[in-house]
N, C-alpha and C. Protein backbone atom coordinates (compact mmCIF):
# COMPACT_ATOMS: atom_id res chain seq x y z
N MET A 1 1.05 -1.09 -0.09
CA MET A 1 -0.37 -0.19 -0.12
C MET A 1 1.11 1.25 0.05
N PRO A 2 0.24 2.37 -0.62
CA PRO A 2 1.60 3.56 -0.58
C PRO A 2 0.83 4.44 -0.08
N VAL A 3 2.00 5.15 0.48
CA VAL A 3 2.10 5.73 2.07
C VAL A 3 1.78 7.42 1.29
N VAL A 4 1.22 8.10 1.43
CA VAL A 4 1.73 10.00 1.47
C VAL A 4 1.98 10.00 3.19
N ALA A 5 3.08 10.86 3.39
CA ALA A 5 3.24 11.30 4.95
C ALA A 5 3.62 12.57 4.83
N LEU A 6 2.28 13.71 5.36
CA LEU A 6 2.46 14.72 5.55
C LEU A 6 3.03 15.35 6.65
N LEU A 7 3.80 16.59 6.72
CA LEU A 7 4.05 17.04 7.98
C LEU A 7 3.13 18.35 8.14
N SER A 8 2.06 18.57 7.41
CA SER A 8 1.16 19.69 8.27
C SER A 8 -0.21 18.95 8.02
N THR A 9 -1.17 19.42 8.13
CA THR A 9 -2.72 18.80 7.59
C THR A 9 -3.30 19.62 6.73
N GLN A 10 -2.55 20.68 5.99
CA GLN A 10 -2.63 21.78 4.43
C GLN A 10 -2.36 20.72 3.19
N ILE A 11 -3.65 19.71 2.83
CA ILE A 11 -3.95 19.40 1.71
C ILE A 11 -5.42 19.14 1.16
N ASP A 12 -5.29 19.36 -0.65
CA ASP A 12 -6.54 19.99 -0.64
C ASP A 12 -7.31 18.69 -0.67
N ASP A 13 -9.13 18.87 -0.46
CA ASP A 13 -9.73 18.11 0.08
C ASP A 13 -10.38 17.30 -1.33
N ASP A 14 -9.34 17.55 -2.46
CA ASP A 14 -9.60 16.81 -3.55
C ASP A 14 -8.74 15.68 -4.35
N ILE A 15 -7.03 16.14 -3.68
CA ILE A 15 -6.53 15.30 -3.65
C ILE A 15 -6.39 14.18 -2.72
N ALA A 16 -6.99 14.64 -1.60
CA ALA A 16 -7.16 14.12 -0.44
C ALA A 16 -7.55 12.47 -0.87
N GLU A 17 -9.04 13.00 -1.34
CA GLU A 17 -9.79 11.94 -1.70
C GLU A 17 -9.55 11.62 -2.91
N ARG A 18 -8.70 11.69 -4.10
CA ARG A 18 -7.90 10.80 -4.79
C ARG A 18 -7.11 10.03 -4.08
N TYR A 19 -6.34 10.26 -3.37
CA TYR A 19 -5.55 9.22 -2.70
C TYR A 19 -6.28 8.37 -2.16
N ALA A 20 -7.21 8.50 -1.45
CA ALA A 20 -8.36 7.56 -0.51
C ALA A 20 -9.12 6.33 -1.77
N ARG A 21 -9.19 6.86 -2.66
CA ARG A 21 -9.99 6.07 -4.10
C ARG A 21 -9.07 5.41 -4.43
N ALA A 22 -7.60 5.36 -4.60
CA ALA A 22 -7.15 5.18 -4.91
C ALA A 22 -6.13 4.13 -3.90
N ARG A 23 -6.77 4.08 -2.90
CA ARG A 23 -6.24 3.24 -1.53
C ARG A 23 -4.88 3.09 -1.26
N TRP A 24 -4.59 4.64 -1.40
CA TRP A 24 -3.38 5.21 -0.46
C TRP A 24 -3.58 5.26 0.88
N LEU A 25 -2.50 5.13 2.03
CA LEU A 25 -2.90 5.81 2.95
C LEU A 25 -1.81 6.98 3.55
N LEU A 26 -2.98 8.17 3.86
CA LEU A 26 -2.51 9.70 4.07
C LEU A 26 -2.38 9.59 5.66
N LEU A 27 -1.26 9.95 5.62
CA LEU A 27 -0.57 10.61 7.12
C LEU A 27 -0.65 11.85 7.28
N ARG A 28 -1.68 12.58 7.90
CA ARG A 28 -1.45 14.31 7.92
C ARG A 28 -0.55 14.63 8.98
N GLY A 29 -0.38 15.87 9.11
CA GLY A 29 0.75 16.24 9.90
C GLY A 29 0.18 16.54 11.37
N THR A 30 -0.68 15.66 11.94
CA THR A 30 -1.69 15.93 13.35
C THR A 30 -0.32 15.09 14.71
N VAL A 31 -0.83 16.03 15.72
CA VAL A 31 0.29 15.62 16.73
C VAL A 31 -0.67 14.34 17.50
N GLY A 32 -1.67 14.68 17.47
CA GLY A 32 -2.78 13.59 18.19
C GLY A 32 -2.91 12.41 16.46
N GLY A 33 -4.13 11.00 17.18
CA GLY A 33 -4.16 10.58 16.44
C GLY A 33 -3.80 9.29 16.18
N THR A 34 -3.65 8.31 15.50
CA THR A 34 -3.47 7.05 15.70
C THR A 34 -1.94 6.78 14.78
N TRP A 35 -1.37 5.45 14.65
CA TRP A 35 0.21 5.70 13.38
C TRP A 35 -0.92 5.24 12.33
N ALA A 36 -2.24 5.30 12.20
CA ALA A 36 -2.84 4.97 10.86
C ALA A 36 -3.11 6.20 9.88
N ASP A 37 -3.34 7.64 10.83
CA ASP A 37 -3.50 8.72 10.35
C ASP A 37 -2.95 10.02 10.39
N SER A 38 -2.01 9.64 11.50
CA SER A 38 -1.17 10.51 11.85
C SER A 38 0.70 10.62 11.79
N THR A 39 1.36 11.34 10.67
CA THR A 39 2.86 11.16 10.58
C THR A 39 3.64 11.19 12.12
N TYR A 40 2.97 12.14 12.63
CA TYR A 40 3.78 12.05 14.35
C TYR A 40 3.37 11.12 14.88
N ALA A 41 2.22 10.82 14.76
CA ALA A 41 1.80 9.54 15.28
C ALA A 41 2.48 7.91 14.89
N PHE A 42 2.62 7.92 13.85
CA PHE A 42 3.27 6.71 12.90
C PHE A 42 5.06 7.25 13.74
N CYS A 43 5.50 8.08 13.26
CA CYS A 43 6.65 8.38 13.86
C CYS A 43 7.41 8.13 15.76
N ARG A 44 6.08 8.32 16.46
CA ARG A 44 5.94 8.09 17.58
C ARG A 44 6.06 6.47 18.10
N GLU A 45 4.92 5.49 17.44
CA GLU A 45 4.98 4.70 17.43
C GLU A 45 5.38 3.58 16.75
N ALA A 46 5.60 3.75 15.47
CA ALA A 46 6.65 2.49 14.49
C ALA A 46 7.64 3.19 14.68
N LEU A 47 8.30 3.78 14.73
CA LEU A 47 9.65 4.39 14.87
C LEU A 47 10.77 4.34 16.40
N GLY A 48 9.74 4.98 16.89
CA GLY A 48 10.37 5.11 18.10
C GLY A 48 11.03 6.70 18.75
N TYR A 49 10.39 7.42 17.70
CA TYR A 49 10.70 8.81 17.07
C TYR A 49 10.08 10.03 17.26
N ASP A 50 10.38 11.08 18.56
CA ASP A 50 9.80 12.08 18.15
C ASP A 50 9.85 13.13 17.44
N MET A 51 9.24 12.95 16.39
CA MET A 51 9.44 13.79 15.39
C MET A 51 9.28 15.53 15.29
N ALA A 52 8.05 15.08 16.09
CA ALA A 52 6.93 16.16 16.62
C ALA A 52 8.00 17.02 17.84
N GLY A 53 8.38 16.35 18.65
CA GLY A 53 9.33 16.78 19.81
C GLY A 53 10.84 17.84 19.29
N PHE A 54 11.47 17.34 17.80
CA PHE A 54 12.24 17.42 16.76
C PHE A 54 11.99 18.74 16.20
N PHE A 55 10.55 18.71 15.86
CA PHE A 55 10.88 20.04 15.12
C PHE A 55 10.13 21.09 16.33
N GLN A 56 9.97 20.96 17.34
CA GLN A 56 9.41 22.17 18.30
C GLN A 56 11.60 22.29 18.75
N ARG A 57 12.31 21.18 19.79
CA ARG A 57 13.39 21.89 19.36
C ARG A 57 14.24 22.66 18.83
N HIS A 58 14.00 22.45 17.11
CA HIS A 58 14.48 22.95 16.36
C HIS A 58 13.84 24.03 15.38
N SER A 59 12.86 24.85 15.62
CA SER A 59 11.99 25.18 15.13
C SER A 59 13.14 26.87 15.09
N GLU A 60 13.47 27.63 15.53
CA GLU A 60 14.10 28.76 15.68
C GLU A 60 14.60 28.47 14.40
N THR A 61 16.20 27.33 14.51
CA THR A 61 16.70 27.08 13.51
C THR A 61 16.28 26.81 12.77
N LEU A 62 14.99 25.78 11.98
CA LEU A 62 14.62 25.89 10.56
C LEU A 62 13.91 27.36 9.99
N ARG A 63 13.43 27.86 10.94
CA ARG A 63 12.88 29.20 10.43
C ARG A 63 13.67 29.90 10.18
N ARG A 64 15.05 30.27 10.62
CA ARG A 64 16.11 31.37 10.48
C ARG A 64 16.42 30.64 9.07
N ASP A 65 17.00 29.46 9.09
CA ASP A 65 17.45 29.00 7.75
C ASP A 65 16.35 28.84 6.83
N VAL A 66 14.96 28.75 6.74
CA VAL A 66 14.03 28.58 5.39
C VAL A 66 14.12 30.19 5.10
N ARG A 67 14.02 31.08 5.79
CA ARG A 67 14.17 32.83 5.62
C ARG A 67 15.39 32.96 4.82
N GLY A 68 16.57 32.33 5.32
CA GLY A 68 17.34 32.85 4.81
C GLY A 68 17.48 32.09 3.42
N ILE A 69 17.30 31.62 3.16
CA ILE A 69 17.10 30.50 1.55
C ILE A 69 16.16 31.39 0.87
N LEU A 70 14.78 31.53 1.36
CA LEU A 70 14.13 32.47 0.19
C LEU A 70 14.39 33.80 0.38
N GLU A 71 15.00 34.10 1.57
CA GLU A 71 15.77 35.63 0.72
C GLU A 71 16.40 35.80 -0.12
N ALA A 72 17.43 34.99 -0.44
CA ALA A 72 18.06 34.48 -0.93
C ALA A 72 17.51 34.20 -2.74
N LEU A 73 16.68 33.20 -2.56
CA LEU A 73 16.35 33.35 -4.25
C LEU A 73 15.46 34.06 -4.37
N LEU A 74 14.52 35.14 -3.42
CA LEU A 74 14.19 36.27 -3.80
C LEU A 74 14.67 37.21 -4.20
N ARG A 75 16.17 37.37 -4.27
CA ARG A 75 16.67 38.68 -4.43
C ARG A 75 17.31 38.59 -5.66
């Protein structure tokens, strides 16, 4: 079964429905939920890794680096 793992909850409903009709597993970027509907719950329960905690711990660095990359691209 193909799997789509999102890091956010933002996905167009039409696209999500298309994955569901094709019998793809869609893991959304929710912190709660089960391993079968949440990317972060899957990582925590199946892999033993707290991905949500990783993003919380490194959010300032990630934000700064992404901002720098975007500014360089837009110059």
